Amino acid sequence: MGVDVGRFGCTTEVVIIKVTPGAGDIPRKRIVNIYSFDEEHFGMQALKLKRLFIQYKCRVAVIDGNGLGAGLVDMLTMDTIDPDTGETLYN
């Protein structure tokens, strides 16, 4: 999962990528899905990212945590209660 963080009128873009072994040492990469989040609050963005991480069984999330993205990274390091299911989504 790759995340380019946006806020204040800019969308956060999430790309889900599947990586499989390829010929030789070159892995094959395929974009599975792309999501755009319009929400400005990092708490809501963190909740949606954690849901996607679980849904796609991701191994790694790469987040642009420089500058503005640091706020989202801070929210991702805290456990989140999913308001729809009551389930705890861990950091």
Protein backbone atom coordinates (compact mmCIF):
# COMPACT_ATOMS: atom_id res chain seq x y z
CA MET A 1 0.00 0.00 0.00
CA GLY A 2 1.33 3.41 -0.95
CA VAL A 3 -0.14 6.61 0.51
CA ASP A 4 0.30 10.20 -0.64
CA VAL A 5 -1.16 12.36 2.12
CA GLY A 6 -3.44 15.30 1.40
CA ARG A 7 -5.41 17.73 3.53
CA PHE A 8 -7.09 21.15 3.37
CA GLY A 9 -8.89 20.63 0.08
CA CYS A 10 -6.43 18.09 -1.36
CA THR A 11 -7.24 14.38 -1.49
CA THR A 12 -5.22 11.58 0.06
CA GLU A 13 -4.39 8.99 -2.59
CA VAL A 14 -3.96 5.31 -1.73
CA VAL A 15 -2.56 2.76 -4.19
CA ILE A 16 -2.83 -0.98 -3.50
CA ILE A 17 -0.05 -2.86 -5.28
CA LYS A 18 0.39 -6.63 -5.56
CA VAL A 19 4.00 -7.78 -5.89
CA THR A 20 4.72 -11.30 -7.13
CA PRO A 21 8.00 -13.02 -8.03
CA GLY A 22 8.94 -12.52 -11.65
CA ALA A 23 11.58 -13.75 -14.04
CA GLY A 24 15.02 -13.58 -12.50
CA ASP A 25 15.37 -11.06 -9.69
CA ILE A 26 12.75 -8.64 -11.05
CA PRO A 27 9.42 -8.81 -9.20
CA ARG A 28 6.17 -8.20 -11.06
CA LYS A 29 4.08 -5.29 -9.73
CA ARG A 30 0.39 -4.82 -10.47
CA ILE A 31 -1.90 -2.02 -9.29
CA VAL A 32 -4.92 -3.67 -7.70
CA ASN A 33 -6.91 -0.57 -6.73
CA ILE A 34 -6.65 3.17 -6.16
CA TYR A 35 -8.62 5.09 -3.50
CA SER A 36 -9.08 8.82 -2.92
CA PHE A 37 -10.06 10.18 0.51
CA ASP A 38 -11.67 13.60 0.68
CA GLU A 39 -11.89 13.71 4.48
CA GLU A 40 -9.63 16.29 6.05
CA HIS A 41 -9.44 14.80 9.54
CA PHE A 42 -6.45 12.49 9.95
CA GLY A 43 -8.39 10.30 12.41
CA MET A 44 -10.88 9.34 9.68
CA GLN A 45 -8.10 8.85 7.14
CA ALA A 46 -6.24 6.57 9.59
CA LEU A 47 -9.39 4.50 10.13
CA LYS A 48 -9.90 4.02 6.39
CA LEU A 49 -6.24 3.14 5.83
CA LYS A 50 -6.35 0.50 8.56
CA ARG A 51 -9.51 -0.99 7.06
CA LEU A 52 -7.86 -1.21 3.62
CA PHE A 53 -4.66 -2.67 5.10
CA ILE A 54 -6.70 -5.48 6.66
CA GLN A 55 -9.00 -5.95 3.64
CA TYR A 56 -6.11 -6.42 1.20
CA LYS A 57 -3.89 -8.30 3.67
CA CYS A 58 -1.08 -5.84 3.08
CA ARG A 59 2.38 -6.54 4.39
CA VAL A 60 3.71 -2.98 4.15
CA ALA A 61 2.28 0.54 4.01
CA VAL A 62 4.54 3.21 2.55
CA ILE A 63 3.35 6.65 3.64
CA ASP A 64 4.67 10.06 2.64
CA GLY A 65 5.20 11.15 6.26
CA ASN A 66 7.20 14.28 5.48
CA GLY A 67 5.64 17.62 6.39
CA LEU A 68 1.86 17.34 6.31
CA GLY A 69 1.94 13.52 6.39
CA ALA A 70 3.47 13.51 9.88
CA GLY A 71 0.01 14.16 11.35
CA LEU A 72 -1.41 11.08 9.66
CA VAL A 73 1.53 8.97 10.80
CA ASP A 74 0.85 10.14 14.37
CA MET A 75 -2.78 8.99 14.08
CA LEU A 76 -1.73 5.63 12.62
CA THR A 77 0.49 4.88 15.63
CA MET A 78 -2.57 4.87 17.93
CA ASP A 79 -5.12 2.07 18.18
CA THR A 80 -8.45 2.98 16.56
CA ILE A 81 -11.94 1.78 17.43
CA ASP A 82 -13.97 1.15 14.27
CA PRO A 83 -17.28 2.97 14.90
CA ASP A 84 -19.15 0.63 12.51
CA THR A 85 -18.05 -2.68 14.05
CA GLY A 86 -16.70 -1.77 17.50
CA GLU A 87 -13.52 -3.69 16.57
CA THR A 88 -10.14 -2.36 17.68
CA LEU A 89 -7.82 -1.67 14.74
CA TYR A 90 -4.31 -1.82 16.11
CA ASN A 91 -1.39 0.35 15.07
